[in-house]
Protein backbone atom coordinates (compact mmCIF):
# COMPACT_ATOMS: atom_id res chain seq x y z
CA UNK A 1 105.60 66.48 76.21
CA UNK A 2 107.13 69.16 78.41
CA UNK A 3 106.96 69.00 82.19
CA UNK A 4 106.13 72.34 83.86
CA UNK A 5 106.36 72.93 87.61
CA UNK A 6 104.11 75.47 89.34
CA UNK A 7 105.42 76.59 92.75
CA UNK A 8 102.97 79.01 94.40
CA UNK A 9 103.23 80.13 98.02
CA UNK A 10 100.45 81.53 100.18
CA UNK A 11 96.69 81.51 100.64
CA UNK A 12 94.08 80.00 98.33
CA UNK A 13 93.95 83.34 96.52
CA UNK A 14 97.64 82.91 95.69
CA UNK A 15 97.12 79.33 94.50
CA UNK A 16 94.13 79.71 92.19
CA UNK A 17 96.00 81.73 89.51
CA UNK A 18 98.50 78.88 89.26
CA UNK A 19 95.63 76.39 88.95
CA UNK A 20 94.44 78.52 86.02
CA UNK A 21 97.91 78.46 84.47
CA UNK A 22 98.06 74.71 84.97
CA UNK A 23 94.76 74.19 83.17
CA UNK A 24 95.95 76.28 80.20
CA UNK A 25 99.24 74.40 79.97
CA UNK A 26 97.53 71.00 80.23
CA UNK A 27 95.15 71.89 77.39
CA UNK A 28 98.20 72.67 75.29
CA UNK A 29 99.62 69.20 75.90
CA UNK A 30 102.03 69.84 78.77
CA UNK A 31 102.39 67.79 81.93
CA UNK A 32 101.95 70.02 84.98
CA UNK A 33 102.89 69.48 88.61
CA UNK A 34 101.94 71.84 91.43
CA UNK A 35 104.41 72.00 94.34
CA UNK A 36 103.13 73.81 97.40
CA UNK A 37 101.67 73.39 100.90
CA UNK A 38 99.52 70.30 101.45
CA UNK A 39 96.48 72.39 102.40
CA UNK A 40 96.14 73.19 98.69
CA UNK A 41 96.33 69.60 97.46
CA UNK A 42 92.58 69.20 96.99
CA UNK A 43 92.35 72.18 94.63
CA UNK A 44 95.24 70.99 92.48
CA UNK A 45 94.06 67.40 92.20
CA UNK A 46 90.44 68.35 91.50
CA UNK A 47 91.72 70.46 88.58
CA UNK A 48 93.49 67.39 87.18
CA UNK A 49 97.01 68.56 88.02
CA UNK A 50 99.78 66.49 89.57
CA UNK A 51 100.67 67.50 93.10
CA UNK A 52 103.74 67.33 95.36
CA UNK A 53 103.46 68.57 98.93
CA UNK A 54 106.15 70.77 100.43
CA UNK A 55 107.32 69.25 103.69
CA UNK A 56 106.86 72.17 106.04
CA UNK A 57 104.20 74.05 107.96
CA UNK A 58 105.29 77.56 106.88
CA UNK A 59 101.99 78.45 105.21
CA UNK A 60 99.94 77.15 108.14
CA UNK A 61 102.06 79.11 110.61
CA UNK A 62 101.82 82.22 108.43
CA UNK A 63 98.02 81.98 108.27
CA UNK A 64 97.91 81.49 112.04
CA UNK A 65 99.72 84.76 112.71
CA UNK A 66 97.22 87.62 113.21
CA UNK A 67 99.91 90.13 112.20
CA UNK A 68 99.67 88.83 108.62
CA UNK A 69 96.59 91.02 108.18
CA UNK A 70 97.86 94.11 109.96
CA UNK A 71 99.11 97.16 108.07
CA UNK A 72 102.90 97.42 108.18
CA UNK A 73 103.34 93.85 109.45
CA UNK A 74 101.86 91.58 106.77
CA UNK A 75 104.79 91.62 104.37
CA UNK A 76 107.26 90.92 107.17
CA UNK A 77 105.25 87.89 108.30
CA UNK A 78 104.91 86.58 104.74
CA UNK A 79 108.63 86.95 103.95
CA UNK A 80 109.79 85.39 107.20
CA UNK A 81 107.75 82.26 106.52
CA UNK A 82 108.60 82.22 102.82
CA UNK A 83 112.27 82.33 103.76
CA UNK A 84 111.76 79.40 106.12
CA UNK A 85 110.14 77.41 103.31
CA UNK A 86 113.03 77.88 100.86
CA UNK A 87 114.87 74.65 101.62
CA UNK A 88 111.65 72.63 101.70
CA UNK A 89 110.72 73.76 98.19
CA UNK A 90 114.23 72.82 97.05
CA UNK A 91 113.91 69.37 98.62
CA UNK A 92 110.52 68.84 96.96
CA UNK A 93 111.87 69.73 93.52
CA UNK A 94 114.99 67.63 94.00
CA UNK A 95 112.82 64.69 95.02
CA UNK A 96 110.72 65.09 91.89
CA UNK A 97 113.86 65.28 89.73
CA UNK A 98 115.15 62.05 91.29
CA UNK A 99 111.86 60.31 90.45
CA UNK A 100 110.93 61.84 87.10
CA UNK A 101 113.92 63.65 85.66
CA UNK A 102 114.55 67.32 84.99
CA UNK A 103 111.52 69.56 84.42
CA UNK A 104 111.43 71.90 81.42
CA UNK A 105 110.12 75.06 83.08
CA UNK A 106 109.20 76.47 86.49
CA UNK A 107 106.60 79.17 87.18
CA UNK A 108 106.63 80.76 90.63
CA UNK A 109 105.99 84.02 92.45
CA UNK A 110 109.05 85.95 93.55
CA UNK A 111 108.34 84.98 97.16
CA UNK A 112 109.00 81.29 96.37
CA UNK A 113 112.74 81.65 96.85
CA UNK A 114 113.25 77.89 96.49
CA UNK A 115 112.25 78.10 92.83
CA UNK A 116 114.89 80.73 92.13
CA UNK A 117 117.49 78.72 94.05
CA UNK A 118 116.72 75.69 91.86
CA UNK A 119 117.16 77.82 88.75
CA UNK A 120 120.63 78.75 89.96
CA UNK A 121 121.48 75.20 91.03
CA UNK A 122 120.01 73.14 88.19
CA UNK A 123 119.59 75.64 85.37
CA UNK A 124 115.86 74.99 84.98
CA UNK A 125 114.25 78.04 83.29
CA UNK A 126 112.12 80.09 85.68
CA UNK A 127 109.34 82.53 84.88
CA UNK A 128 108.50 84.89 87.72
CA UNK A 129 104.72 85.27 87.99
CA UNK A 130 103.47 88.55 89.47
CA UNK A 131 99.78 88.52 90.37
CA UNK A 132 99.36 92.20 91.23
CA UNK A 133 100.91 95.57 90.33
CA UNK A 134 102.54 96.07 93.74
CA UNK A 135 105.29 93.65 92.73
CA UNK A 136 106.57 96.19 90.19
CA UNK A 137 108.14 98.72 92.52
CA UNK A 138 108.42 101.53 90.00
CA UNK A 139 109.82 104.99 90.61
CA UNK A 140 107.38 106.27 87.98
CA UNK A 141 104.32 104.87 89.74
CA UNK A 142 105.27 103.86 93.27
CA UNK A 143 102.81 101.22 94.51
CA UNK A 144 100.89 101.88 97.70
CA UNK A 145 102.71 99.37 99.89
CA UNK A 146 102.13 101.44 103.04
CA UNK A 147 100.36 104.79 103.53
CA UNK A 148 103.73 106.60 103.74
CA UNK A 149 104.15 106.03 99.99
CA UNK A 150 101.66 108.84 99.31
CA UNK A 151 104.32 111.26 100.55
CA UNK A 152 107.05 109.59 98.47
CA UNK A 153 104.96 110.06 95.34
CA UNK A 154 105.06 113.83 95.81
CA UNK A 155 108.85 113.86 95.41
CA UNK A 156 110.53 114.49 92.04
CA UNK A 157 111.43 111.45 89.95
CA UNK A 158 115.15 111.61 90.77
CA UNK A 159 114.35 111.53 94.50
CA UNK A 160 111.98 108.58 94.10
CA UNK A 161 114.69 106.71 92.18
CA UNK A 162 117.22 107.49 94.92
CA UNK A 163 114.89 106.18 97.64
CA UNK A 164 114.19 102.97 95.75
CA UNK A 165 117.94 102.41 95.29
CA UNK A 166 118.27 101.84 99.03
CA UNK A 167 118.11 98.26 100.38
CA UNK A 168 114.61 96.86 100.59
CA UNK A 169 113.62 96.05 104.21
CA UNK A 170 112.01 92.82 102.99
CA UNK A 171 115.48 91.46 102.31
CA UNK A 172 116.24 91.31 106.01
CA UNK A 173 113.16 89.20 106.77
CA UNK A 174 114.02 86.33 104.41
CA UNK A 175 117.63 86.74 103.35
CA UNK A 176 119.35 84.75 106.11
CA UNK A 177 117.05 81.75 105.62
CA UNK A 178 117.75 81.88 101.88
CA UNK A 179 121.49 82.09 102.54
CA UNK A 180 121.39 78.94 104.66
CA UNK A 181 119.66 77.07 101.83
CA UNK A 182 122.16 78.44 99.30
CA UNK A 183 125.08 77.24 101.42
CA UNK A 184 123.52 73.80 101.78
CA UNK A 185 122.99 73.50 98.01
CA UNK A 186 126.25 75.02 96.80
CA UNK A 187 124.60 78.09 95.26
CA UNK A 188 126.14 81.56 95.38
CA UNK A 189 124.07 83.55 97.83
CA UNK A 190 122.35 86.71 96.57
CA UNK A 191 123.44 89.86 98.36
CA UNK A 192 119.93 91.21 97.86
CA UNK A 193 116.73 89.36 97.01
CA UNK A 194 115.28 92.71 95.97
CA UNK A 195 118.02 93.57 93.47
CA UNK A 196 119.00 90.09 92.24
CA UNK A 197 116.08 87.68 92.65
CA UNK A 198 112.96 89.85 92.23
CA UNK A 199 112.47 89.23 88.49
CA UNK A 200 113.80 86.14 86.70
CA UNK A 201 115.98 86.91 83.68
CA UNK A 202 114.20 84.03 81.89
CA UNK A 203 110.90 85.88 81.86
CA UNK A 204 108.30 87.73 83.91
CA UNK A 205 104.56 87.12 83.56
CA UNK A 206 102.18 89.78 84.92
CA UNK A 207 98.68 88.37 85.39
CA UNK A 208 96.71 91.61 85.33
CA UNK A 209 95.78 93.76 82.30
CA UNK A 210 97.35 97.04 81.24
CA UNK A 211 94.08 98.92 81.76
CA UNK A 212 94.32 97.97 85.45
CA UNK A 213 97.99 98.98 85.79
CA UNK A 214 99.97 100.50 82.94
CA UNK A 215 103.53 99.21 82.40
CA UNK A 216 106.21 101.70 83.40
CA UNK A 217 109.65 102.47 81.88
CA UNK A 218 111.48 100.71 84.73
CA UNK A 219 109.50 97.46 84.51
CA UNK A 220 111.61 94.51 83.27
CA UNK A 221 112.00 94.17 79.51
CA UNK A 222 111.46 90.41 79.36
CA UNK A 223 107.84 90.89 80.43
CA UNK A 224 104.53 89.57 79.17
CA UNK A 225 101.50 91.31 80.64
CA UNK A 226 98.31 89.29 80.41
CA UNK A 227 94.76 89.35 81.78
CA UNK A 228 93.44 88.36 85.20
CA UNK A 229 93.40 84.56 85.68
CA UNK A 230 89.70 84.05 86.34
CA UNK A 231 89.84 80.84 88.35
CA UNK A 232 87.60 80.06 91.32
CA UNK A 233 87.03 76.29 90.94
CA UNK A 234 83.36 76.90 90.09
CA UNK A 235 83.13 73.71 88.01
CA UNK A 236 84.40 71.61 90.90
CA UNK A 237 82.51 73.50 93.65
CA UNK A 238 79.05 74.67 92.53
CA UNK A 239 76.89 76.73 94.86
CA UNK A 240 75.47 74.69 97.70
CA UNK A 241 71.67 74.27 97.30
CA UNK A 242 70.84 76.15 100.50
CA UNK A 243 72.89 79.19 99.43
CA UNK A 244 71.41 79.10 95.95
CA UNK A 245 67.89 79.03 97.44
CA UNK A 246 68.76 81.99 99.70
CA UNK A 247 70.07 84.05 96.79
CA UNK A 248 66.99 83.33 94.70
CA UNK A 249 64.53 84.05 97.51
CA UNK A 250 64.79 87.81 97.96
CA UNK A 251 66.49 91.11 97.22
CA UNK A 252 70.14 91.23 96.22
CA UNK A 253 72.30 90.79 99.34
CA UNK A 254 75.50 92.56 100.34
CA UNK A 255 78.29 89.98 100.32
CA UNK A 256 81.06 90.23 102.92
CA UNK A 257 84.39 88.36 103.04
CA UNK A 258 87.74 89.15 104.70
CA UNK A 259 89.51 86.63 102.45
CA UNK A 260 89.79 82.86 102.39
CA UNK A 261 93.00 82.78 104.43
CA UNK A 262 91.91 85.19 107.16
CA UNK A 263 91.58 83.44 110.51
CA UNK A 264 91.32 86.51 112.72
CA UNK A 265 88.29 88.37 111.32
CA UNK A 266 85.79 88.40 114.20
CA UNK A 267 85.76 92.19 114.33
CA UNK A 268 85.22 92.37 110.55
CA UNK A 269 82.09 90.24 110.80
CA UNK A 270 80.81 92.03 113.89
CA UNK A 271 80.97 95.28 111.92
CA UNK A 272 79.38 93.58 108.91
CA UNK A 273 76.50 92.40 111.10
CA UNK A 274 76.02 95.90 112.52
CA UNK A 275 75.94 97.37 109.01
CA UNK A 276 73.31 94.94 107.79
CA UNK A 277 71.15 95.63 110.84
CA UNK A 278 71.41 99.38 110.25
CA UNK A 279 70.56 99.05 106.55
CA UNK A 280 67.97 96.34 107.01
CA UNK A 281 69.48 94.43 104.09
CA UNK A 282 70.13 90.78 103.38
CA UNK A 283 73.73 89.56 103.44
CA UNK A 284 76.03 86.63 102.78
CA UNK A 285 79.07 86.12 105.01
CA UNK A 286 81.84 84.08 103.36
CA UNK A 287 84.53 82.62 105.62
CA UNK A 288 86.33 79.32 105.96
CA UNK A 289 86.30 79.86 109.73
CA UNK A 290 82.66 79.87 110.84
CA UNK A 291 83.66 80.52 114.46
CA UNK A 292 84.57 84.09 113.41
CA UNK A 293 80.91 84.90 112.71
CA UNK A 294 78.71 86.30 115.51
CA UNK A 295 76.25 83.87 117.03
CA UNK A 296 72.49 84.22 116.67
CA UNK A 297 72.41 85.75 113.20
CA UNK A 298 68.95 86.38 111.72
CA UNK A 299 67.63 84.42 108.71
CA UNK A 300 68.44 87.43 106.52
CA UNK A 301 72.17 86.54 106.78
CA UNK A 302 73.55 83.36 105.21
CA UNK A 303 76.96 82.04 106.26
CA UNK A 304 78.94 79.94 103.77
CA UNK A 305 82.41 78.47 104.12
CA UNK A 306 83.05 78.61 100.36
CA UNK A 307 81.25 79.89 97.30
CA UNK A 308 82.77 80.50 93.86
CA UNK A 309 82.70 84.24 93.29
CA UNK A 310 81.71 83.82 89.63
CA UNK A 311 78.55 82.04 90.80
CA UNK A 312 77.58 84.14 93.82
CA UNK A 313 78.53 87.71 92.80
CA UNK A 314 75.93 88.08 90.02
CA UNK A 315 73.35 88.06 92.86
CA UNK A 316 75.13 90.74 94.93
CA UNK A 317 74.21 94.38 95.39
CA UNK A 318 77.67 95.31 96.77
CA UNK A 319 80.76 93.25 97.53
CA UNK A 320 82.61 94.18 100.75
CA UNK A 321 86.00 92.47 100.79
CA UNK A 322 89.67 92.67 101.75
CA UNK A 323 91.13 93.66 98.39
CA UNK A 324 92.92 90.49 97.31
CA UNK A 325 93.67 90.72 93.62
CA UNK A 326 91.62 87.66 92.64
CA UNK A 327 88.65 88.95 94.61
CA UNK A 328 88.96 92.37 92.94
CA UNK A 329 89.04 90.73 89.51
CA UNK A 330 85.97 88.58 90.18
CA UNK A 331 84.05 91.64 91.36
CA UNK A 332 85.06 93.56 88.23
CA UNK A 333 83.89 90.67 86.07
CA UNK A 334 80.53 90.53 87.86
CA UNK A 335 79.96 94.28 87.51
CA UNK A 336 79.37 94.72 91.24
CA UNK A 337 80.36 97.88 93.15
CA UNK A 338 83.05 97.18 95.73
CA UNK A 339 83.84 98.44 99.21
CA UNK A 340 87.44 97.38 99.82
CA UNK A 341 88.47 97.02 103.46
CA UNK A 342 92.21 96.87 102.82
CA UNK A 343 94.31 95.23 105.51
CA UNK A 344 97.89 94.44 104.45
CA UNK A 345 100.20 93.04 101.72
CA UNK A 346 99.03 94.05 98.22
CA UNK A 347 95.56 95.08 99.34
CA UNK A 348 96.21 98.82 99.83
CA UNK A 349 97.50 99.13 96.28
CA UNK A 350 94.72 97.00 94.79
CA UNK A 351 92.15 99.11 96.64
CA UNK A 352 93.61 102.27 95.16
CA UNK A 353 93.26 100.83 91.65
CA UNK A 354 89.61 99.97 92.35
CA UNK A 355 88.91 103.54 93.43
CA UNK A 356 90.75 104.97 90.41
CA UNK A 357 88.53 102.93 88.11
CA UNK A 358 85.47 104.43 89.78
CA UNK A 359 83.93 101.04 90.56
CA UNK A 360 84.22 101.16 94.33
CA UNK A 361 85.39 102.84 97.50
CA UNK A 362 88.03 101.94 100.08
CA UNK A 363 88.39 102.06 103.83
CA UNK A 364 91.40 100.82 105.85
CA UNK A 365 90.56 97.97 108.17
CA UNK A 366 91.56 100.11 111.18
CA UNK A 367 88.69 102.47 110.26
CA UNK A 368 86.15 99.75 109.47
CA UNK A 369 83.44 100.60 111.99
CA UNK A 370 79.71 101.00 111.58
CA UNK A 371 79.93 104.79 111.82
CA UNK A 372 82.68 105.17 109.23
CA UNK A 373 81.73 102.39 106.83
CA UNK A 374 77.97 103.03 106.70
CA UNK A 375 78.04 106.15 104.46
CA UNK A 376 80.50 104.42 102.11
CA UNK A 377 78.37 101.31 101.85
CA UNK A 378 75.27 103.42 101.28
CA UNK A 379 77.03 105.22 98.44
CA UNK A 380 78.07 101.91 96.87
CA UNK A 381 74.43 100.82 97.04
CA UNK A 382 72.98 104.00 95.56
CA UNK A 383 75.55 105.80 93.37
CA UNK A 384 74.35 105.38 89.74
CA UNK A 385 77.69 106.43 88.25
CA UNK A 386 79.58 103.81 90.24
CA UNK A 387 77.11 101.12 89.27
CA UNK A 388 77.29 102.13 85.61
CA UNK A 389 81.10 102.03 85.64
CA UNK A 390 80.99 98.61 87.29
CA UNK A 391 78.69 97.34 84.51
CA UNK A 392 80.99 98.82 81.86
CA UNK A 393 83.98 97.10 83.44
CA UNK A 394 82.11 93.82 83.43
CA UNK A 395 81.43 94.18 79.71
CA UNK A 396 85.10 94.92 79.09
CA UNK A 397 86.15 91.78 80.92
CA UNK A 398 83.42 89.64 79.37
CA UNK A 399 85.20 88.83 76.12
CA UNK A 400 87.36 85.72 76.45
CA UNK A 401 90.91 86.34 75.30
CA UNK A 402 92.73 83.62 73.41
CA UNK A 403 95.50 82.34 75.68
CA UNK A 404 97.45 81.05 72.69
CA UNK A 405 99.97 83.94 72.61
CA UNK A 406 100.67 83.55 76.34
CA UNK A 407 101.27 79.81 75.92
CA UNK A 408 103.50 80.48 72.90
CA UNK A 409 105.53 82.88 75.03
CA UNK A 410 105.90 80.29 77.81
CA UNK A 411 106.87 77.60 75.31
CA UNK A 412 109.58 79.90 73.96
CA UNK A 413 111.07 79.87 77.47
CA UNK A 414 111.08 76.06 77.34
CA UNK A 415 112.74 76.06 73.93
CA UNK A 416 115.38 78.57 75.05
CA UNK A 417 116.17 76.42 78.09
CA UNK A 418 116.61 73.32 75.96
CA UNK A 419 118.89 75.18 73.58
CA UNK A 420 121.09 76.34 76.46
CA UNK A 421 121.19 72.81 77.88
CA UNK A 422 122.18 71.37 74.49
CA UNK A 423 124.99 73.89 74.02
CA UNK A 424 126.36 73.54 77.55
């Protein structure tokens, strides 16, 4: 039996795809351990996975920073805290090795720098897991990281390649923390995370389908592109009875969420309330932080701290959300038109893909006011073409794809690692 380590970093939306991977690997007979922030322990254990907590508060501090959700600042905040967490991930893996021996494979996002450091230190094979297209910074299709990219796209290909050859600013936010961990562990420090540690040479797994983002000529060659990991813990967390009764009791509501990790969304919900009052519609507000919701809401609005999207979205008329990739995927699967209020990180790029597919509209969070959002929401509610395309997308996603080839590909990485170890 092989032992696979999953090392995600970030919000619940960043963890759930790794829970999905863990379930697939377990069903194929592998032992799986999730290593991440303790706030995600409940999800991992309820899915039947082993869990090791990382001994730091980097994720909590990141989620507490309001700049995480602000355009132009989110990536900096995320990389600063991910850099801080590097040594703690290394310590967690080293502790597991001391107790249980060497693992056979690691799966981690690029931003978990501790996983890459352990690959260099211990030689454990590492598959980089990219959850959204933005992580493939291609000169052929430059992702919408910030609005300025729209101007870069107008340049000829040679100019786009030249711009992308420059140092990535993200390096400067995390690099010095990574260097300190490298020095402590006797690992040669990378001169650039962007050029040297972005994609693992052992393999890259893209968890979004080609119809959502086509592979480009400058994507890595050792790549497997798969489907969205449709995990929302619905089996472990069914709809609460009161929410289920609300959904069954009247017309389809508009569902609003700024994302599970968003702790600074009071203005989002104030605008959501104003929109529902103007439209006279029912609504569901989803947030883990109930204090963000305006007081004195009418009975036509239900507030829930958690609801599996696969269970609640079939009742929705429109889904208004932040544009996280897992949220986008669940909305596509449910066939619900989307209004994406993109804020930061990968959300601008994901929102653009939603609009290209014709299944929704987008509005930057800075423009999310009643006056500006109302005509967009009305169009999402009434546009027959958008609703038809959303239904067609749902049908396309409805067929379950056999995960066997993906697991075979991952197991080849395990076999290659063992062969290298035997010959060394």
